[in-house]
PDB file of N, CA and C in Angstrom:
ATOM      1  N   UNK A   1     204.390 332.305  40.722  1.00  0.00           N
ATOM      2  CA  UNK A   1     204.192 332.116  41.903  1.00  0.00           C
ATOM      3  C   UNK A   1     205.752 332.407  42.732  1.00  0.00           C
ATOM      4  N   UNK A   2     206.468 331.479  42.308  1.00  0.00           N
ATOM      5  CA  UNK A   2     207.785 331.647  43.067  1.00  0.00           C
ATOM      6  C   UNK A   2     208.476 332.980  42.874  1.00  0.00           C
ATOM      7  N   UNK A   3     208.443 332.947  41.531  1.00  0.00           N
ATOM      8  CA  UNK A   3     208.885 334.762  40.832  1.00  0.00           C
ATOM      9  C   UNK A   3     208.642 335.844  41.702  1.00  0.00           C
ATOM     10  N   UNK A   4     207.069 335.944  41.747  1.00  0.00           N
ATOM     11  CA  UNK A   4     206.415 337.019  42.668  1.00  0.00           C
ATOM     12  C   UNK A   4     206.776 336.928  44.415  1.00  0.00           C
ATOM     13  N   UNK A   5     207.273 335.973  44.857  1.00  0.00           N
ATOM     14  CA  UNK A   5     207.283 335.744  46.281  1.00  0.00           C
ATOM     15  C   UNK A   5     208.711 335.589  46.769  1.00  0.00           C
ATOM     16  N   UNK A   6     209.692 335.083  45.925  1.00  0.00           N
ATOM     17  CA  UNK A   6     211.045 335.450  46.016  1.00  0.00           C
ATOM     18  C   UNK A   6     211.692 334.502  46.816  1.00  0.00           C
ATOM     19  N   UNK A   7     210.829 332.820  47.283  1.00  0.00           N
ATOM     20  CA  UNK A   7     210.674 332.059  47.515  1.00  0.00           C
ATOM     21  C   UNK A   7     211.108 330.566  46.952  1.00  0.00           C
ATOM     22  N   UNK A   8     211.931 330.027  47.426  1.00  0.00           N
ATOM     23  CA  UNK A   8     211.831 328.663  46.995  1.00  0.00           C
ATOM     24  C   UNK A   8     210.817 327.950  47.252  1.00  0.00           C
ATOM     25  N   UNK A   9     209.888 327.368  46.596  1.00  0.00           N
ATOM     26  CA  UNK A   9     208.690 326.643  46.923  1.00  0.00           C
ATOM     27  C   UNK A   9     208.549 325.249  46.302  1.00  0.00           C
ATOM     28  N   UNK A  10     207.940 325.038  47.547  1.00  0.00           N
ATOM     29  CA  UNK A  10     208.078 323.225  46.687  1.00  0.00           C
ATOM     30  C   UNK A  10     206.471 322.470  46.110  1.00  0.00           C
ATOM     31  N   UNK A  11     205.988 322.064  45.615  1.00  0.00           N
ATOM     32  CA  UNK A  11     204.973 321.912  45.282  1.00  0.00           C
ATOM     33  C   UNK A  11     204.145 320.287  45.966  1.00  0.00           C
ATOM     34  N   UNK A  12     202.993 320.652  47.234  1.00  0.00           N
ATOM     35  CA  UNK A  12     202.425 319.819  47.862  1.00  0.00           C
ATOM     36  C   UNK A  12     201.271 319.045  46.903  1.00  0.00           C
ATOM     37  N   UNK A  13     201.259 317.678  47.098  1.00  0.00           N
ATOM     38  CA  UNK A  13     200.147 317.248  46.453  1.00  0.00           C
ATOM     39  C   UNK A  13     199.870 315.850  47.293  1.00  0.00           C
ATOM     40  N   UNK A  14     198.357 316.623  46.798  1.00  0.00           N
ATOM     41  CA  UNK A  14     196.898 315.977  47.855  1.00  0.00           C
ATOM     42  C   UNK A  14     195.760 315.865  46.756  1.00  0.00           C
ATOM     43  N   UNK A  15     195.250 314.465  47.233  1.00  0.00           N
ATOM     44  CA  UNK A  15     193.931 314.414  46.169  1.00  0.00           C
ATOM     45  C   UNK A  15     192.666 314.725  46.480  1.00  0.00           C
ATOM     46  N   UNK A  16     192.450 314.898  48.239  1.00  0.00           N
ATOM     47  CA  UNK A  16     191.352 316.010  48.287  1.00  0.00           C
ATOM     48  C   UNK A  16     191.760 317.451  48.683  1.00  0.00           C
ATOM     49  N   UNK A  17     190.285 318.503  48.982  1.00  0.00           N
ATOM     50  CA  UNK A  17     190.633 319.185  49.714  1.00  0.00           C
ATOM     51  C   UNK A  17     190.897 319.115  51.179  1.00  0.00           C
ATOM     52  N   UNK A  18     190.281 317.960  51.736  1.00  0.00           N
ATOM     53  CA  UNK A  18     190.307 317.824  53.453  1.00  0.00           C
ATOM     54  C   UNK A  18     191.605 317.502  53.194  1.00  0.00           C
ATOM     55  N   UNK A  19     192.736 316.474  52.689  1.00  0.00           N
ATOM     56  CA  UNK A  19     193.887 316.738  52.263  1.00  0.00           C
ATOM     57  C   UNK A  19     194.811 317.537  52.922  1.00  0.00           C
ATOM     58  N   UNK A  20     194.735 318.869  51.867  1.00  0.00           N
ATOM     59  CA  UNK A  20     195.249 319.990  52.005  1.00  0.00           C
ATOM     60  C   UNK A  20     195.170 320.934  53.102  1.00  0.00           C
ATOM     61  N   UNK A  21     193.693 320.485  53.615  1.00  0.00           N
ATOM     62  CA  UNK A  21     193.343 321.338  54.866  1.00  0.00           C
ATOM     63  C   UNK A  21     194.224 320.785  55.551  1.00  0.00           C
ATOM     64  N   UNK A  22     193.616 319.080  55.995  1.00  0.00           N
ATOM     65  CA  UNK A  22     194.684 318.936  57.045  1.00  0.00           C
ATOM     66  C   UNK A  22     196.146 319.546  57.070  1.00  0.00           C
ATOM     67  N   UNK A  23     196.886 318.922  56.165  1.00  0.00           N
ATOM     68  CA  UNK A  23     197.842 319.253  55.943  1.00  0.00           C
ATOM     69  C   UNK A  23     198.668 320.566  56.406  1.00  0.00           C
ATOM     70  N   UNK A  24     197.463 321.646  56.084  1.00  0.00           N
ATOM     71  CA  UNK A  24     197.890 322.729  56.178  1.00  0.00           C
ATOM     72  C   UNK A  24     198.165 323.667  58.226  1.00  0.00           C
ATOM     73  N   UNK A  25     197.041 322.869  58.007  1.00  0.00           N
ATOM     74  CA  UNK A  25     196.727 323.128  59.722  1.00  0.00           C
ATOM     75  C   UNK A  25     198.006 322.343  60.392  1.00  0.00           C
ATOM     76  N   UNK A  26     198.801 321.235  60.116  1.00  0.00           N
ATOM     77  CA  UNK A  26     200.248 319.871  60.510  1.00  0.00           C
ATOM     78  C   UNK A  26     201.259 321.514  60.084  1.00  0.00           C
ATOM     79  N   UNK A  27     200.966 321.816  59.083  1.00  0.00           N
ATOM     80  CA  UNK A  27     202.128 322.937  59.306  1.00  0.00           C
ATOM     81  C   UNK A  27     202.762 322.488  57.407  1.00  0.00           C
ATOM     82  N   UNK A  28     202.267 321.156  57.515  1.00  0.00           N
ATOM     83  CA  UNK A  28     203.204 320.483  55.976  1.00  0.00           C
ATOM     84  C   UNK A  28     202.545 321.264  54.750  1.00  0.00           C
ATOM     85  N   UNK A  29     201.778 322.058  54.551  1.00  0.00           N
ATOM     86  CA  UNK A  29     201.628 323.228  53.489  1.00  0.00           C
ATOM     87  C   UNK A  29     201.369 324.430  54.433  1.00  0.00           C
ATOM     88  N   UNK A  30     202.221 325.330  53.263  1.00  0.00           N
ATOM     89  CA  UNK A  30     202.371 326.687  54.581  1.00  0.00           C
ATOM     90  C   UNK A  30     201.294 327.353  53.469  1.00  0.00           C
ATOM     91  N   UNK A  31     200.627 327.523  52.189  1.00  0.00           N
ATOM     92  CA  UNK A  31     200.268 328.197  51.144  1.00  0.00           C
ATOM     93  C   UNK A  31     199.658 327.377  50.554  1.00  0.00           C
ATOM     94  N   UNK A  32     197.740 327.923  50.305  1.00  0.00           N
ATOM     95  CA  UNK A  32     196.991 327.808  49.782  1.00  0.00           C
ATOM     96  C   UNK A  32     195.855 328.821  48.962  1.00  0.00           C
ATOM     97  N   UNK A  33     195.860 328.754  48.097  1.00  0.00           N
ATOM     98  CA  UNK A  33     195.079 329.569  47.481  1.00  0.00           C
ATOM     99  C   UNK A  33     193.581 329.087  46.657  1.00  0.00           C
ATOM    100  N   UNK A  34     192.930 329.822  46.698  1.00  0.00           N
ATOM    101  CA  UNK A  34     191.534 329.939  46.399  1.00  0.00           C
ATOM    102  C   UNK A  34     190.597 329.324  47.593  1.00  0.00           C
ATOM    103  N   UNK A  35     191.165 330.203  48.686  1.00  0.00           N
ATOM    104  CA  UNK A  35     190.453 329.688  50.058  1.00  0.00           C
ATOM    105  C   UNK A  35     189.659 330.221  50.568  1.00  0.00           C
ATOM    106  N   UNK A  36     188.278 330.277  51.017  1.00  0.00           N
ATOM    107  CA  UNK A  36     187.552 331.576  51.622  1.00  0.00           C
ATOM    108  C   UNK A  36     187.911 331.406  53.015  1.00  0.00           C
ATOM    109  N   UNK A  37     187.768 332.709  53.230  1.00  0.00           N
ATOM    110  CA  UNK A  37     187.770 333.430  54.584  1.00  0.00           C
ATOM    111  C   UNK A  37     186.959 332.744  55.602  1.00  0.00           C
ATOM    112  N   UNK A  38     187.195 331.932  56.476  1.00  0.00           N
ATOM    113  CA  UNK A  38     186.021 331.830  57.995  1.00  0.00           C
ATOM    114  C   UNK A  38     187.057 332.005  59.546  1.00  0.00           C
ATOM    115  N   UNK A  39     186.226 332.832  59.610  1.00  0.00           N
ATOM    116  CA  UNK A  39     186.565 332.609  61.542  1.00  0.00           C
ATOM    117  C   UNK A  39     187.024 331.649  61.895  1.00  0.00           C
ATOM    118  N   UNK A  40     186.880 329.816  61.176  1.00  0.00           N
ATOM    119  CA  UNK A  40     187.430 328.757  62.323  1.00  0.00           C
ATOM    120  C   UNK A  40     188.769 329.187  61.530  1.00  0.00           C
ATOM    121  N   UNK A  41     188.837 329.499  59.726  1.00  0.00           N
ATOM    122  CA  UNK A  41     190.158 329.385  59.314  1.00  0.00           C
ATOM    123  C   UNK A  41     191.035 330.255  59.578  1.00  0.00           C
ATOM    124  N   UNK A  42     191.348 331.331  60.509  1.00  0.00           N
ATOM    125  CA  UNK A  42     191.215 332.224  61.190  1.00  0.00           C
ATOM    126  C   UNK A  42     192.038 331.801  62.021  1.00  0.00           C
ATOM    127  N   UNK A  43     191.824 330.966  62.759  1.00  0.00           N
ATOM    128  CA  UNK A  43     193.046 330.173  63.928  1.00  0.00           C
ATOM    129  C   UNK A  43     193.882 329.804  63.592  1.00  0.00           C
ATOM    130  N   UNK A  44     194.497 329.384  62.224  1.00  0.00           N
ATOM    131  CA  UNK A  44     195.130 328.578  61.722  1.00  0.00           C
ATOM    132  C   UNK A  44     196.050 329.198  60.206  1.00  0.00           C
ATOM    133  N   UNK A  45     195.453 330.399  59.983  1.00  0.00           N
ATOM    134  CA  UNK A  45     196.136 330.561  58.404  1.00  0.00           C
ATOM    135  C   UNK A  45     196.364 332.124  58.616  1.00  0.00           C
ATOM    136  N   UNK A  46     196.696 333.506  58.204  1.00  0.00           N
ATOM    137  CA  UNK A  46     196.927 334.173  58.021  1.00  0.00           C
ATOM    138  C   UNK A  46     196.279 334.628  56.370  1.00  0.00           C
ATOM    139  N   UNK A  47     195.645 335.069  56.226  1.00  0.00           N
ATOM    140  CA  UNK A  47     195.027 335.705  54.760  1.00  0.00           C
ATOM    141  C   UNK A  47     195.783 337.055  54.334  1.00  0.00           C
ATOM    142  N   UNK A  48     196.125 336.879  53.261  1.00  0.00           N
ATOM    143  CA  UNK A  48     196.487 338.219  52.009  1.00  0.00           C
ATOM    144  C   UNK A  48     194.735 339.108  51.618  1.00  0.00           C
ATOM    145  N   UNK A  49     195.401 339.713  51.551  1.00  0.00           N
ATOM    146  CA  UNK A  49     194.766 340.526  50.480  1.00  0.00           C
ATOM    147  C   UNK A  49     194.045 339.406  49.375  1.00  0.00           C
ATOM    148  N   UNK A  50     192.832 339.636  48.697  1.00  0.00           N
ATOM    149  CA  UNK A  50     192.547 338.645  47.416  1.00  0.00           C
ATOM    150  C   UNK A  50     193.310 338.659  46.723  1.00  0.00           C
ATOM    151  N   UNK A  51     193.680 337.769  45.631  1.00  0.00           N
ATOM    152  CA  UNK A  51     194.835 338.115  44.558  1.00  0.00           C
ATOM    153  C   UNK A  51     193.738 338.155  43.116  1.00  0.00           C
ATOM    154  N   UNK A  52     192.301 337.348  43.853  1.00  0.00           N
ATOM    155  CA  UNK A  52     191.716 337.196  42.283  1.00  0.00           C
ATOM    156  C   UNK A  52     190.200 337.134  43.190  1.00  0.00           C
ATOM    157  N   UNK A  53     188.990 337.689  42.604  1.00  0.00           N
ATOM    158  CA  UNK A  53     187.783 337.636  42.596  1.00  0.00           C
ATOM    159  C   UNK A  53     187.186 337.415  41.912  1.00  0.00           C
ATOM    160  N   UNK A  54     186.165 336.702  42.211  1.00  0.00           N
ATOM    161  CA  UNK A  54     185.411 335.861  40.840  1.00  0.00           C
ATOM    162  C   UNK A  54     183.476 335.470  41.451  1.00  0.00           C
ATOM    163  N   UNK A  55     183.159 335.737  40.529  1.00  0.00           N
ATOM    164  CA  UNK A  55     181.513 335.573  40.676  1.00  0.00           C
ATOM    165  C   UNK A  55     180.861 334.272  41.005  1.00  0.00           C
ATOM    166  N   UNK A  56     180.261 333.697  41.826  1.00  0.00           N
ATOM    167  CA  UNK A  56     179.558 332.525  41.759  1.00  0.00           C
ATOM    168  C   UNK A  56     178.754 332.081  40.532  1.00  0.00           C
ATOM    169  N   UNK A  57     179.290 330.909  40.068  1.00  0.00           N
ATOM    170  CA  UNK A  57     178.046 330.190  38.856  1.00  0.00           C
ATOM    171  C   UNK A  57     177.382 329.260  39.206  1.00  0.00           C
ATOM    172  N   UNK A  58     176.211 329.526  38.647  1.00  0.00           N
ATOM    173  CA  UNK A  58     175.010 329.333  38.171  1.00  0.00           C
ATOM    174  C   UNK A  58     174.996 327.869  37.317  1.00  0.00           C
ATOM    175  N   UNK A  59     174.286 326.364  37.442  1.00  0.00           N
ATOM    176  CA  UNK A  59     174.241 325.628  36.503  1.00  0.00           C
ATOM    177  C   UNK A  59     173.243 325.736  36.051  1.00  0.00           C
ATOM    178  N   UNK A  60     172.756 325.993  35.117  1.00  0.00           N
ATOM    179  CA  UNK A  60     171.329 325.464  34.849  1.00  0.00           C
ATOM    180  C   UNK A  60     170.636 324.477  34.169  1.00  0.00           C
ATOM    181  N   UNK A  61     169.601 324.212  33.364  1.00  0.00           N
ATOM    182  CA  UNK A  61     169.476 323.587  32.704  1.00  0.00           C
ATOM    183  C   UNK A  61     168.851 324.087  31.223  1.00  0.00           C
ATOM    184  N   UNK A  62     168.884 323.842  29.870  1.00  0.00           N
ATOM    185  CA  UNK A  62     168.861 324.788  28.729  1.00  0.00           C
ATOM    186  C   UNK A  62     167.338 325.622  29.178  1.00  0.00           C
ATOM    187  N   UNK A  63     166.555 325.138  29.344  1.00  0.00           N
ATOM    188  CA  UNK A  63     165.348 325.919  29.510  1.00  0.00           C
ATOM    189  C   UNK A  63     165.241 326.682  30.684  1.00  0.00           C
ATOM    190  N   UNK A  64     165.963 326.788  31.781  1.00  0.00           N
ATOM    191  CA  UNK A  64     165.603 327.853  32.531  1.00  0.00           C
ATOM    192  C   UNK A  64     166.990 329.544  31.851  1.00  0.00           C
ATOM    193  N   UNK A  65     166.057 330.470  31.921  1.00  0.00           N
ATOM    194  CA  UNK A  65     166.296 332.050  31.622  1.00  0.00           C
ATOM    195  C   UNK A  65     167.668 332.166  32.535  1.00  0.00           C
ATOM    196  N   UNK A  66     168.334 332.680  31.906  1.00  0.00           N
ATOM    197  CA  UNK A  66     170.343 333.111  31.983  1.00  0.00           C
ATOM    198  C   UNK A  66     169.753 333.738  33.692  1.00  0.00           C
ATOM    199  N   UNK A  67     170.751 333.688  34.518  1.00  0.00           N
ATOM    200  CA  UNK A  67     170.372 334.148  35.803  1.00  0.00           C
ATOM    201  C   UNK A  67     171.289 335.261  36.471  1.00  0.00           C
ATOM    202  N   UNK A  68     171.098 336.317  36.776  1.00  0.00           N
ATOM    203  CA  UNK A  68     171.984 337.298  36.142  1.00  0.00           C
ATOM    204  C   UNK A  68     172.411 338.023  37.594  1.00  0.00           C
ATOM    205  N   UNK A  69     171.591 337.882  38.595  1.00  0.00           N
ATOM    206  CA  UNK A  69     171.326 337.703  39.786  1.00  0.00           C
ATOM    207  C   UNK A  69     170.650 337.008  41.414  1.00  0.00           C
ATOM    208  N   UNK A  70     172.123 336.733  41.837  1.00  0.00           N
ATOM    209  CA  UNK A  70     171.446 335.697  42.790  1.00  0.00           C
ATOM    210  C   UNK A  70     169.475 336.324  43.631  1.00  0.00           C
ATOM    211  N   UNK A  71     169.530 337.056  43.667  1.00  0.00           N
ATOM    212  CA  UNK A  71     168.016 337.745  44.337  1.00  0.00           C
ATOM    213  C   UNK A  71     166.921 337.320  43.432  1.00  0.00           C
ATOM    214  N   UNK A  72     167.567 337.000  41.960  1.00  0.00           N
ATOM    215  CA  UNK A  72     166.466 336.109  41.667  1.00  0.00           C
ATOM    216  C   UNK A  72     166.353 335.112  41.966  1.00  0.00           C
ATOM    217  N   UNK A  73     166.859 334.271  42.888  1.00  0.00           N
ATOM    218  CA  UNK A  73     166.440 333.125  42.687  1.00  0.00           C
ATOM    219  C   UNK A  73     166.092 332.873  44.376  1.00  0.00           C
ATOM    220  N   UNK A  74     165.281 334.462  44.825  1.00  0.00           N
ATOM    221  CA  UNK A  74     164.361 333.912  46.132  1.00  0.00           C
ATOM    222  C   UNK A  74     163.100 333.529  45.810  1.00  0.00           C
ATOM    223  N   UNK A  75     162.679 332.709  46.455  1.00  0.00           N
ATOM    224  CA  UNK A  75     161.415 331.636  46.175  1.00  0.00           C
ATOM    225  C   UNK A  75     161.291 330.104  45.916  1.00  0.00           C
ATOM    226  N   UNK A  76     163.188 329.567  45.035  1.00  0.00           N
ATOM    227  CA  UNK A  76     163.222 328.759  44.373  1.00  0.00           C
ATOM    228  C   UNK A  76     163.776 327.874  44.937  1.00  0.00           C
ATOM    229  N   UNK A  77     164.079 327.116  44.379  1.00  0.00           N
ATOM    230  CA  UNK A  77     164.710 325.426  45.071  1.00  0.00           C
ATOM    231  C   UNK A  77     166.230 325.026  44.187  1.00  0.00           C
ATOM    232  N   UNK A  78     167.088 325.326  45.534  1.00  0.00           N
ATOM    233  CA  UNK A  78     168.615 325.115  44.777  1.00  0.00           C
ATOM    234  C   UNK A  78     169.236 324.127  45.037  1.00  0.00           C
ATOM    235  N   UNK A  79     170.517 323.196  44.619  1.00  0.00           N
ATOM    236  CA  UNK A  79     171.126 322.286  45.094  1.00  0.00           C
ATOM    237  C   UNK A  79     172.323 322.578  44.662  1.00  0.00           C
ATOM    238  N   UNK A  80     173.161 321.934  45.957  1.00  0.00           N
ATOM    239  CA  UNK A  80     174.448 322.677  45.759  1.00  0.00           C
ATOM    240  C   UNK A  80     175.204 321.407  46.444  1.00  0.00           C
ATOM    241  N   UNK A  81     176.369 320.903  45.854  1.00  0.00           N
ATOM    242  CA  UNK A  81     177.408 319.751  46.370  1.00  0.00           C
ATOM    243  C   UNK A  81     177.888 320.345  47.703  1.00  0.00           C
ATOM    244  N   UNK A  82     177.303 318.713  48.669  1.00  0.00           N
ATOM    245  CA  UNK A  82     178.702 318.914  49.736  1.00  0.00           C
ATOM    246  C   UNK A  82     179.508 319.154  49.699  1.00  0.00           C
ATOM    247  N   UNK A  83     180.190 319.757  50.786  1.00  0.00           N
ATOM    248  CA  UNK A  83     181.418 320.233  51.287  1.00  0.00           C
ATOM    249  C   UNK A  83     182.440 319.057  51.750  1.00  0.00           C
ATOM    250  N   UNK A  84     183.729 318.017  51.229  1.00  0.00           N
ATOM    251  CA  UNK A  84     184.603 317.063  51.639  1.00  0.00           C
ATOM    252  C   UNK A  84     183.859 315.842  50.640  1.00  0.00           C
TER     253      UNK A  84
END
């Protein structure tokens, strides 16, 4: 990334995603990758065009047939981890 942007970049180390967000809001971390755009984040971040797009990943047990489309989950019960 340093070569692509032509800037001196220093790695910011944090142990949780929340630490990264707080550091960014405080101006201690100026570049974040893999962050989804939201109305709240638009208040303090400037977003570029995405450099990478990735699909959602669904993890199931071996007994569940392959799920190729999220629409196939209509009426099903799913679980997801909580943010933070």
